[in-house]
Amino acid sequence: MDAFHIIATASLFAISCSILGSFLILRKMAMVGDAISHAVLPGIVVAFLFTGTRDSIEMIIGAGILGVFTTFLIEFFHRKARLQADAAIGVTFTWLFALGVILVSLYTGQIDIDQECVLYGEIAYVPLDVWITDSGYDLGPRALYIAGGILIINLLFMWLGYRHLYLTSFDPQFAASIGVGISIWNYLLMGSVSMTTVAAFESVGAILIVALMVAPAATAYLLTTRLERMIGLSILFSVLISILGYYLAVWLDASIAGGIVSIAGLLFFSVMLAQRVWKRIS
């Protein structure tokens, strides 16, 4: 049962990440998830200073506020300062992460956290953190419900805004000419990325989320340029990566997150090599 809970949690988060990652790949902003995962550190420290507790809800709220703020800064630097997207991401996350490190250093005697508590979760502990009702009934791992809720929100967002996200990803000039708010949809997409990253880092670790947001979508992009197929393939790859990565980690008695990311990398390189071989023989 523990294996099912771990694989299910990883798969649900991976599906959310692969859907969002498909749009990030097309917009050349694949590393925005990495930026958010680093930039939330000062939000966690400030949340602790105001609340005096390390409870998950307060930490997630603090990290979430900084995550959304990060997306606004990235968009502001990209649009107003005319920086390239990768430069805007780099400037934003390094500055905010450095600020978080300074805050941790200043209050190290008061705060029982460090940078690693933000960046490294451990998905193997998912079955241990269960949701128990007031009557004492065990509903199962809390992370599984969080992952399911985040996936439902992301699916609703994609269903309602697919046309606008499609237009602003492929042809922003045309989208602007017909009255589509490019900045609004960019903010909404980045907000979804922020929400997913922040919700996942405590349960599975931000590093794993960053990999899942990039690798499945990038692998799918090697095989198709049609968005619908790209999203479908990335979802398939993300679930496959989660399953194979877990059993690789069990077989090697190693980190589950490391096993999942390793399989993601192997899958990407395998598809890339197979694609090149196919082009040469066809």
C-alpha atoms as a PDB file:
ATOM      1  CA  MET A   1       0.000   0.000   0.000  1.00  0.00           C
ATOM      2  CA  ASP A   2       2.895   2.355   0.734  1.00  0.00           C
ATOM      3  CA  ALA A   3       4.211   1.809  -2.780  1.00  0.00           C
ATOM      4  CA  PHE A   4       0.804   2.666  -4.232  1.00  0.00           C
ATOM      5  CA  HIS A   5       0.569   5.879  -2.208  1.00  0.00           C
ATOM      6  CA  ILE A   6       4.044   6.997  -3.224  1.00  0.00           C
ATOM      7  CA  ILE A   7       3.557   6.207  -6.918  1.00  0.00           C
ATOM      8  CA  ALA A   8       0.072   7.754  -6.951  1.00  0.00           C
ATOM      9  CA  THR A   9       1.297  10.960  -5.306  1.00  0.00           C
ATOM     10  CA  ALA A  10       4.254  11.225  -7.670  1.00  0.00           C
ATOM     11  CA  SER A  11       2.032  10.523 -10.685  1.00  0.00           C
ATOM     12  CA  LEU A  12      -0.610  13.106  -9.760  1.00  0.00           C
ATOM     13  CA  PHE A  13       1.984  15.814  -9.218  1.00  0.00           C
ATOM     14  CA  ALA A  14       3.795  14.690 -12.374  1.00  0.00           C
ATOM     15  CA  ILE A  15       0.648  15.021 -14.490  1.00  0.00           C
ATOM     16  CA  SER A  16       0.074  18.564 -13.203  1.00  0.00           C
ATOM     17  CA  CYS A  17       3.697  19.443 -13.906  1.00  0.00           C
ATOM     18  CA  SER A  18       3.686  17.918 -17.392  1.00  0.00           C
ATOM     19  CA  ILE A  19       0.580  19.872 -18.421  1.00  0.00           C
ATOM     20  CA  LEU A  20       2.031  23.177 -17.240  1.00  0.00           C
ATOM     21  CA  GLY A  21       5.492  22.248 -18.505  1.00  0.00           C
ATOM     22  CA  SER A  22       4.197  21.846 -22.044  1.00  0.00           C
ATOM     23  CA  PHE A  23       3.259  25.522 -22.135  1.00  0.00           C
ATOM     24  CA  LEU A  24       6.479  26.565 -20.417  1.00  0.00           C
ATOM     25  CA  ILE A  25       8.552  24.700 -23.011  1.00  0.00           C
ATOM     26  CA  LEU A  26       6.723  26.453 -25.837  1.00  0.00           C
ATOM     27  CA  ARG A  27       7.224  29.847 -24.163  1.00  0.00           C
ATOM     28  CA  LYS A  28      10.929  29.163 -23.562  1.00  0.00           C
ATOM     29  CA  MET A  29      10.399  29.511 -19.800  1.00  0.00           C
ATOM     30  CA  ALA A  30      11.059  25.934 -18.729  1.00  0.00           C
ATOM     31  CA  MET A  31      13.138  26.909 -15.699  1.00  0.00           C
ATOM     32  CA  VAL A  32      10.528  29.151 -14.082  1.00  0.00           C
ATOM     33  CA  GLY A  33       9.632  26.286 -11.739  1.00  0.00           C
ATOM     34  CA  ASP A  34      13.247  26.166 -10.592  1.00  0.00           C
ATOM     35  CA  ALA A  35      13.156  29.922 -10.004  1.00  0.00           C
ATOM     36  CA  ILE A  36      10.031  29.675  -7.870  1.00  0.00           C
ATOM     37  CA  SER A  37      11.374  26.761  -5.839  1.00  0.00           C
ATOM     38  CA  HIS A  38      14.399  28.855  -4.835  1.00  0.00           C
ATOM     39  CA  ALA A  39      12.604  32.177  -4.482  1.00  0.00           C
ATOM     40  CA  VAL A  40      10.077  30.939  -1.900  1.00  0.00           C
ATOM     41  CA  LEU A  41      12.736  30.667   0.828  1.00  0.00           C
ATOM     42  CA  PRO A  42      12.296  34.224   2.193  1.00  0.00           C
ATOM     43  CA  GLY A  43       8.531  33.694   2.256  1.00  0.00           C
ATOM     44  CA  ILE A  44       8.932  30.669   4.503  1.00  0.00           C
ATOM     45  CA  VAL A  45      11.249  32.544   6.871  1.00  0.00           C
ATOM     46  CA  VAL A  46       8.929  35.560   7.071  1.00  0.00           C
ATOM     47  CA  ALA A  47       5.942  33.267   7.647  1.00  0.00           C
ATOM     48  CA  PHE A  48       7.735  31.711  10.602  1.00  0.00           C
ATOM     49  CA  LEU A  49       8.669  35.092  12.054  1.00  0.00           C
ATOM     50  CA  PHE A  50       5.050  36.276  11.922  1.00  0.00           C
ATOM     51  CA  THR A  51       3.395  33.078  13.129  1.00  0.00           C
ATOM     52  CA  GLY A  52       6.075  31.494  15.289  1.00  0.00           C
ATOM     53  CA  THR A  53       5.195  28.050  13.963  1.00  0.00           C
ATOM     54  CA  ARG A  54       6.454  25.658  11.326  1.00  0.00           C
ATOM     55  CA  ASP A  55       2.991  24.271  10.555  1.00  0.00           C
ATOM     56  CA  SER A  56       2.532  23.412   6.909  1.00  0.00           C
ATOM     57  CA  ILE A  57      -0.346  25.794   6.215  1.00  0.00           C
ATOM     58  CA  GLU A  58       1.563  28.879   7.360  1.00  0.00           C
ATOM     59  CA  MET A  59       4.673  27.817   5.474  1.00  0.00           C
ATOM     60  CA  ILE A  60       2.732  27.163   2.277  1.00  0.00           C
ATOM     61  CA  ILE A  61       0.938  30.516   2.519  1.00  0.00           C
ATOM     62  CA  GLY A  62       4.215  32.363   2.981  1.00  0.00           C
ATOM     63  CA  ALA A  63       5.880  30.440   0.172  1.00  0.00           C
ATOM     64  CA  GLY A  64       2.833  30.891  -2.044  1.00  0.00           C
ATOM     65  CA  ILE A  65       2.867  34.671  -1.661  1.00  0.00           C
ATOM     66  CA  LEU A  66       6.540  34.773  -2.636  1.00  0.00           C
ATOM     67  CA  GLY A  67       5.903  32.376  -5.505  1.00  0.00           C
ATOM     68  CA  VAL A  68       3.250  34.624  -7.005  1.00  0.00           C
ATOM     69  CA  PHE A  69       5.449  37.677  -6.365  1.00  0.00           C
ATOM     70  CA  THR A  70       8.259  35.899  -8.232  1.00  0.00           C
ATOM     71  CA  THR A  71       6.074  35.401 -11.275  1.00  0.00           C
ATOM     72  CA  PHE A  72       5.099  39.061 -11.265  1.00  0.00           C
ATOM     73  CA  LEU A  73       8.757  40.118 -11.046  1.00  0.00           C
ATOM     74  CA  ILE A  74       9.764  37.800 -13.883  1.00  0.00           C
ATOM     75  CA  GLU A  75       6.978  39.142 -16.075  1.00  0.00           C
ATOM     76  CA  PHE A  76       7.776  42.740 -15.099  1.00  0.00           C
ATOM     77  CA  PHE A  77      11.465  42.412 -15.955  1.00  0.00           C
ATOM     78  CA  HIS A  78      10.619  40.603 -19.191  1.00  0.00           C
ATOM     79  CA  ARG A  79       7.997  43.079 -20.382  1.00  0.00           C
ATOM     80  CA  LYS A  80       9.068  46.395 -18.896  1.00  0.00           C
ATOM     81  CA  ALA A  81      12.848  46.059 -18.647  1.00  0.00           C
ATOM     82  CA  ARG A  82      12.904  44.130 -21.951  1.00  0.00           C
ATOM     83  CA  LEU A  83      15.058  41.356 -20.551  1.00  0.00           C
ATOM     84  CA  GLN A  84      14.975  37.977 -22.224  1.00  0.00           C
ATOM     85  CA  ALA A  85      12.853  35.460 -20.337  1.00  0.00           C
ATOM     86  CA  ASP A  86      15.832  33.399 -19.138  1.00  0.00           C
ATOM     87  CA  ALA A  87      17.642  36.523 -17.909  1.00  0.00           C
ATOM     88  CA  ALA A  88      14.533  37.718 -16.064  1.00  0.00           C
ATOM     89  CA  ILE A  89      14.216  34.316 -14.390  1.00  0.00           C
ATOM     90  CA  GLY A  90      17.891  34.276 -13.410  1.00  0.00           C
ATOM     91  CA  VAL A  91      17.879  37.771 -11.921  1.00  0.00           C
ATOM     92  CA  THR A  92      14.689  37.177  -9.961  1.00  0.00           C
ATOM     93  CA  PHE A  93      15.365  33.816  -8.368  1.00  0.00           C
ATOM     94  CA  THR A  94      19.022  34.503  -7.473  1.00  0.00           C
ATOM     95  CA  TRP A  95      18.086  37.775  -5.757  1.00  0.00           C
ATOM     96  CA  LEU A  96      15.181  36.316  -3.784  1.00  0.00           C
ATOM     97  CA  PHE A  97      17.056  33.136  -2.892  1.00  0.00           C
ATOM     98  CA  ALA A  98      20.014  35.201  -1.646  1.00  0.00           C
ATOM     99  CA  LEU A  99      17.590  37.258   0.437  1.00  0.00           C
ATOM    100  CA  GLY A 100      16.225  34.050   1.946  1.00  0.00           C
ATOM    101  CA  VAL A 101      19.722  32.794   2.773  1.00  0.00           C
ATOM    102  CA  ILE A 102      20.479  36.096   4.531  1.00  0.00           C
ATOM    103  CA  LEU A 103      17.280  35.848   6.570  1.00  0.00           C
ATOM    104  CA  VAL A 104      18.078  32.282   7.578  1.00  0.00           C
ATOM    105  CA  SER A 105      21.589  33.344   8.611  1.00  0.00           C
ATOM    106  CA  LEU A 106      20.319  36.288  10.636  1.00  0.00           C
ATOM    107  CA  TYR A 107      17.679  34.295  12.492  1.00  0.00           C
ATOM    108  CA  THR A 108      19.446  30.934  12.626  1.00  0.00           C
ATOM    109  CA  GLY A 109      19.097  30.882  16.420  1.00  0.00           C
ATOM    110  CA  GLN A 110      15.323  31.294  16.236  1.00  0.00           C
ATOM    111  CA  ILE A 111      14.372  29.273  13.184  1.00  0.00           C
ATOM    112  CA  ASP A 112      14.845  25.543  13.038  1.00  0.00           C
ATOM    113  CA  ILE A 113      14.935  25.489   9.262  1.00  0.00           C
ATOM    114  CA  ASP A 114      17.544  25.939   6.580  1.00  0.00           C
ATOM    115  CA  GLN A 115      17.680  26.171   2.804  1.00  0.00           C
ATOM    116  CA  GLU A 116      17.493  22.412   2.420  1.00  0.00           C
ATOM    117  CA  CYS A 117      14.080  22.195   4.113  1.00  0.00           C
ATOM    118  CA  VAL A 118      12.654  24.107   1.154  1.00  0.00           C
ATOM    119  CA  LEU A 119      14.507  22.433  -1.679  1.00  0.00           C
ATOM    120  CA  TYR A 120      14.505  18.820  -0.547  1.00  0.00           C
ATOM    121  CA  GLY A 121      11.342  16.986   0.344  1.00  0.00           C
ATOM    122  CA  GLU A 122      11.264  13.226   0.666  1.00  0.00           C
ATOM    123  CA  ILE A 123       8.525  11.428  -1.177  1.00  0.00           C
ATOM    124  CA  ALA A 124       9.300   8.226   0.749  1.00  0.00           C
ATOM    125  CA  TYR A 125       7.709   9.858   3.820  1.00  0.00           C
ATOM    126  CA  VAL A 126       4.371  10.416   2.073  1.00  0.00           C
ATOM    127  CA  PRO A 127       2.673   7.349   3.686  1.00  0.00           C
ATOM    128  CA  LEU A 128       3.679   8.558   7.163  1.00  0.00           C
ATOM    129  CA  ASP A 129       1.901  11.925   7.008  1.00  0.00           C
ATOM    130  CA  VAL A 130      -1.723  10.811   7.086  1.00  0.00           C
ATOM    131  CA  TRP A 131      -4.944  12.771   7.331  1.00  0.00           C
ATOM    132  CA  ILE A 132      -6.842  11.705  10.457  1.00  0.00           C
ATOM    133  CA  THR A 133     -10.353  12.983  11.143  1.00  0.00           C
ATOM    134  CA  ASP A 134     -11.570  14.217  14.521  1.00  0.00           C
ATOM    135  CA  SER A 135     -13.221  10.854  15.039  1.00  0.00           C
ATOM    136  CA  GLY A 136      -9.880   9.109  14.532  1.00  0.00           C
ATOM    137  CA  TYR A 137     -10.531   7.723  11.037  1.00  0.00           C
ATOM    138  CA  ASP A 138      -7.438   7.412   8.859  1.00  0.00           C
ATOM    139  CA  LEU A 139      -8.127   8.872   5.388  1.00  0.00           C
ATOM    140  CA  GLY A 140      -4.690   8.127   4.002  1.00  0.00           C
ATOM    141  CA  PRO A 141      -1.678  10.292   3.097  1.00  0.00           C
ATOM    142  CA  ARG A 142      -2.332  14.029   3.148  1.00  0.00           C
ATOM    143  CA  ALA A 143      -0.004  14.560   0.180  1.00  0.00           C
ATOM    144  CA  LEU A 144      -2.229  12.369  -1.984  1.00  0.00           C
ATOM    145  CA  TYR A 145      -5.194  14.677  -1.395  1.00  0.00           C
ATOM    146  CA  ILE A 146      -3.065  17.753  -2.045  1.00  0.00           C
ATOM    147  CA  ALA A 147      -1.770  16.286  -5.298  1.00  0.00           C
ATOM    148  CA  GLY A 148      -5.293  15.358  -6.405  1.00  0.00           C
ATOM    149  CA  GLY A 149      -6.647  18.799  -5.561  1.00  0.00           C
ATOM    150  CA  ILE A 150      -3.838  20.558  -7.425  1.00  0.00           C
ATOM    151  CA  LEU A 151      -4.423  18.348 -10.464  1.00  0.00           C
ATOM    152  CA  ILE A 152      -8.151  19.136 -10.508  1.00  0.00           C
ATOM    153  CA  ILE A 153      -7.430  22.876 -10.314  1.00  0.00           C
ATOM    154  CA  ASN A 154      -4.888  22.669 -13.134  1.00  0.00           C
ATOM    155  CA  LEU A 155      -7.221  20.609 -15.325  1.00  0.00           C
ATOM    156  CA  LEU A 156     -10.011  23.146 -14.811  1.00  0.00           C
ATOM    157  CA  PHE A 157      -7.614  25.976 -15.618  1.00  0.00           C
ATOM    158  CA  MET A 158      -6.505  24.265 -18.839  1.00  0.00           C
ATOM    159  CA  TRP A 159     -10.082  23.456 -19.829  1.00  0.00           C
ATOM    160  CA  LEU A 160     -11.294  27.016 -19.327  1.00  0.00           C
ATOM    161  CA  GLY A 161      -8.239  28.800 -20.724  1.00  0.00           C
ATOM    162  CA  TYR A 162      -6.874  26.380 -23.322  1.00  0.00           C
ATOM    163  CA  ARG A 163      -7.674  28.558 -26.337  1.00  0.00           C
ATOM    164  CA  HIS A 164      -6.095  31.660 -24.821  1.00  0.00           C
ATOM    165  CA  LEU A 165      -3.036  29.769 -23.595  1.00  0.00           C
ATOM    166  CA  TYR A 166      -2.682  28.203 -27.034  1.00  0.00           C
ATOM    167  CA  LEU A 167      -2.788  31.560 -28.804  1.00  0.00           C
ATOM    168  CA  THR A 168      -0.482  33.361 -26.404  1.00  0.00           C
ATOM    169  CA  SER A 169       2.044  30.511 -26.589  1.00  0.00           C
ATOM    170  CA  PHE A 170       2.232  30.152 -30.374  1.00  0.00           C
ATOM    171  CA  ASP A 171       1.358  33.600 -31.697  1.00  0.00           C
ATOM    172  CA  PRO A 172       1.227  36.327 -29.035  1.00  0.00           C
ATOM    173  CA  GLN A 173       1.065  39.100 -31.658  1.00  0.00           C
ATOM    174  CA  PHE A 174      -2.059  37.628 -33.217  1.00  0.00           C
ATOM    175  CA  ALA A 175      -3.533  37.017 -29.765  1.00  0.00           C
ATOM    176  CA  ALA A 176      -2.996  40.684 -28.874  1.00  0.00           C
ATOM    177  CA  SER A 177      -4.550  41.824 -32.161  1.00  0.00           C
ATOM    178  CA  ILE A 178      -7.824  40.009 -31.393  1.00  0.00           C
ATOM    179  CA  GLY A 179      -7.981  41.357 -27.852  1.00  0.00           C
ATOM    180  CA  VAL A 180      -6.520  38.517 -25.800  1.00  0.00           C
ATOM    181  CA  GLY A 181      -4.761  39.817 -22.684  1.00  0.00           C
ATOM    182  CA  ILE A 182      -1.273  38.344 -23.065  1.00  0.00           C
ATOM    183  CA  SER A 183       0.022  39.573 -19.708  1.00  0.00           C
ATOM    184  CA  ILE A 184      -3.063  38.341 -17.859  1.00  0.00           C
ATOM    185  CA  TRP A 185      -2.727  34.825 -19.211  1.00  0.00           C
ATOM    186  CA  ASN A 186       1.001  34.834 -18.556  1.00  0.00           C
ATOM    187  CA  TYR A 187       0.312  35.759 -14.936  1.00  0.00           C
ATOM    188  CA  LEU A 188      -2.373  33.079 -14.653  1.00  0.00           C
ATOM    189  CA  LEU A 189      -0.043  30.414 -16.058  1.00  0.00           C
ATOM    190  CA  MET A 190       2.813  31.466 -13.804  1.00  0.00           C
ATOM    191  CA  GLY A 191       0.410  31.542 -10.877  1.00  0.00           C
ATOM    192  CA  SER A 192      -0.539  27.935 -11.603  1.00  0.00           C
ATOM    193  CA  VAL A 193       3.129  26.979 -11.783  1.00  0.00           C
ATOM    194  CA  SER A 194       3.737  28.732  -8.472  1.00  0.00           C
ATOM    195  CA  MET A 195       0.778  27.018  -6.813  1.00  0.00           C
ATOM    196  CA  THR A 196       1.864  23.586  -8.029  1.00  0.00           C
ATOM    197  CA  THR A 197       5.491  24.060  -7.024  1.00  0.00           C
ATOM    198  CA  VAL A 198       4.707  25.408  -3.570  1.00  0.00           C
ATOM    199  CA  ALA A 199       2.087  22.738  -2.848  1.00  0.00           C
ATOM    200  CA  ALA A 200       4.475  19.974  -3.855  1.00  0.00           C
ATOM    201  CA  PHE A 201       7.815  20.959  -2.366  1.00  0.00           C
ATOM    202  CA  GLU A 202       7.010  19.823   1.189  1.00  0.00           C
ATOM    203  CA  SER A 203       5.757  16.404   0.079  1.00  0.00           C
ATOM    204  CA  VAL A 204       8.010  15.452  -2.797  1.00  0.00           C
ATOM    205  CA  GLY A 205      10.685  18.156  -2.946  1.00  0.00           C
ATOM    206  CA  ALA A 206      11.024  21.106  -5.267  1.00  0.00           C
ATOM    207  CA  ILE A 207      13.945  19.544  -7.137  1.00  0.00           C
ATOM    208  CA  LEU A 208      11.761  16.618  -8.203  1.00  0.00           C
ATOM    209  CA  ILE A 209       8.956  18.986  -9.204  1.00  0.00           C
ATOM    210  CA  VAL A 210      11.328  21.030 -11.358  1.00  0.00           C
ATOM    211  CA  ALA A 211      12.455  17.862 -13.147  1.00  0.00           C
ATOM    212  CA  LEU A 212       8.874  16.696 -13.686  1.00  0.00           C
ATOM    213  CA  MET A 213       7.900  20.099 -15.041  1.00  0.00           C
ATOM    214  CA  VAL A 214      10.638  19.991 -17.685  1.00  0.00           C
ATOM    215  CA  ALA A 215      11.577  16.419 -18.616  1.00  0.00           C
ATOM    216  CA  PRO A 216       8.233  14.856 -19.720  1.00  0.00           C
ATOM    217  CA  ALA A 217       7.213  17.914 -21.757  1.00  0.00           C
ATOM    218  CA  ALA A 218      10.685  18.212 -23.312  1.00  0.00           C
ATOM    219  CA  THR A 219      10.609  14.526 -24.240  1.00  0.00           C
ATOM    220  CA  ALA A 220       7.168  14.896 -25.801  1.00  0.00           C
ATOM    221  CA  TYR A 221       8.357  17.968 -27.728  1.00  0.00           C
ATOM    222  CA  LEU A 222      10.926  15.765 -29.472  1.00  0.00           C
ATOM    223  CA  LEU A 223       8.121  13.686 -30.957  1.00  0.00           C
ATOM    224  CA  THR A 224       5.453  16.234 -31.919  1.00  0.00           C
ATOM    225  CA  THR A 225       4.809  19.931 -32.427  1.00  0.00           C
ATOM    226  CA  ARG A 226       1.039  19.656 -31.944  1.00  0.00           C
ATOM    227  CA  LEU A 227       0.072  20.912 -28.517  1.00  0.00           C
ATOM    228  CA  GLU A 228      -2.673  18.353 -27.866  1.00  0.00           C
ATOM    229  CA  ARG A 229      -0.365  15.445 -28.650  1.00  0.00           C
ATOM    230  CA  MET A 230       2.469  17.050 -26.715  1.00  0.00           C
ATOM    231  CA  ILE A 231       0.344  17.332 -23.569  1.00  0.00           C
ATOM    232  CA  GLY A 232      -0.959  13.774 -23.991  1.00  0.00           C
ATOM    233  CA  LEU A 233       2.519  12.310 -24.473  1.00  0.00           C
ATOM    234  CA  SER A 234       3.943  14.315 -21.586  1.00  0.00           C
ATOM    235  CA  ILE A 235       1.222  12.960 -19.288  1.00  0.00           C
ATOM    236  CA  LEU A 236       1.981   9.413 -20.432  1.00  0.00           C
ATOM    237  CA  PHE A 237       5.712   9.928 -19.922  1.00  0.00           C
ATOM    238  CA  SER A 238       5.216  11.504 -16.491  1.00  0.00           C
ATOM    239  CA  VAL A 239       3.249   8.516 -15.186  1.00  0.00           C
ATOM    240  CA  LEU A 240       5.725   6.076 -16.715  1.00  0.00           C
ATOM    241  CA  ILE A 241       8.631   7.974 -15.138  1.00  0.00           C
ATOM    242  CA  SER A 242       6.960   7.908 -11.723  1.00  0.00           C
ATOM    243  CA  ILE A 243       6.351   4.151 -11.823  1.00  0.00           C
ATOM    244  CA  LEU A 244       9.726   3.099 -13.231  1.00  0.00           C
ATOM    245  CA  GLY A 245      11.595   5.594 -11.060  1.00  0.00           C
ATOM    246  CA  TYR A 246      10.062   4.193  -7.895  1.00  0.00           C
ATOM    247  CA  TYR A 247      10.956   0.611  -8.716  1.00  0.00           C
ATOM    248  CA  LEU A 248      14.468   1.612  -9.807  1.00  0.00           C
ATOM    249  CA  ALA A 249      14.971   3.267  -6.410  1.00  0.00           C
ATOM    250  CA  VAL A 250      13.623   0.193  -4.598  1.00  0.00           C
ATOM    251  CA  TRP A 251      15.877  -2.085  -6.648  1.00  0.00           C
ATOM    252  CA  LEU A 252      18.969   0.034  -5.919  1.00  0.00           C
ATOM    253  CA  ASP A 253      17.878   0.916  -2.369  1.00  0.00           C
ATOM    254  CA  ALA A 254      18.351   4.564  -3.295  1.00  0.00           C
ATOM    255  CA  SER A 255      16.470   7.853  -3.226  1.00  0.00           C
ATOM    256  CA  ILE A 256      13.039   7.631  -4.832  1.00  0.00           C
ATOM    257  CA  ALA A 257      13.238  11.206  -6.126  1.00  0.00           C
ATOM    258  CA  GLY A 258      16.661  10.415  -7.564  1.00  0.00           C
ATOM    259  CA  GLY A 259      15.305   7.293  -9.243  1.00  0.00           C
ATOM    260  CA  ILE A 260      12.411   9.196 -10.828  1.00  0.00           C
ATOM    261  CA  VAL A 261      14.652  11.970 -12.151  1.00  0.00           C
ATOM    262  CA  SER A 262      17.172   9.411 -13.443  1.00  0.00           C
ATOM    263  CA  ILE A 263      14.467   7.609 -15.396  1.00  0.00           C
ATOM    264  CA  ALA A 264      13.275  10.975 -16.749  1.00  0.00           C
ATOM    265  CA  GLY A 265      16.758  11.719 -18.048  1.00  0.00           C
ATOM    266  CA  LEU A 266      17.193   8.244 -19.520  1.00  0.00           C
ATOM    267  CA  LEU A 267      13.838   8.477 -21.266  1.00  0.00           C
ATOM    268  CA  PHE A 268      14.701  11.849 -22.772  1.00  0.00           C
ATOM    269  CA  PHE A 269      18.048  10.654 -24.121  1.00  0.00           C
ATOM    270  CA  SER A 270      16.519   7.398 -25.395  1.00  0.00           C
ATOM    271  CA  VAL A 271      13.821   9.238 -27.326  1.00  0.00           C
ATOM    272  CA  MET A 272      16.354  11.708 -28.691  1.00  0.00           C
ATOM    273  CA  LEU A 273      18.660   8.935 -29.913  1.00  0.00           C
ATOM    274  CA  ALA A 274      15.769   6.917 -31.348  1.00  0.00           C
ATOM    275  CA  GLN A 275      14.530   9.982 -33.198  1.00  0.00           C
ATOM    276  CA  ARG A 276      17.956  10.605 -34.751  1.00  0.00           C
ATOM    277  CA  VAL A 277      18.338   6.979 -35.780  1.00  0.00           C
ATOM    278  CA  TRP A 278      14.867   7.029 -37.350  1.00  0.00           C
ATOM    279  CA  LYS A 279      15.678  10.159 -39.349  1.00  0.00           C
ATOM    280  CA  ARG A 280      18.842   8.591 -40.721  1.00  0.00           C
ATOM    281  CA  ILE A 281      17.199   5.368 -41.857  1.00  0.00           C
ATOM    282  CA  SER A 282      14.008   6.944 -43.215  1.00  0.00           C
END
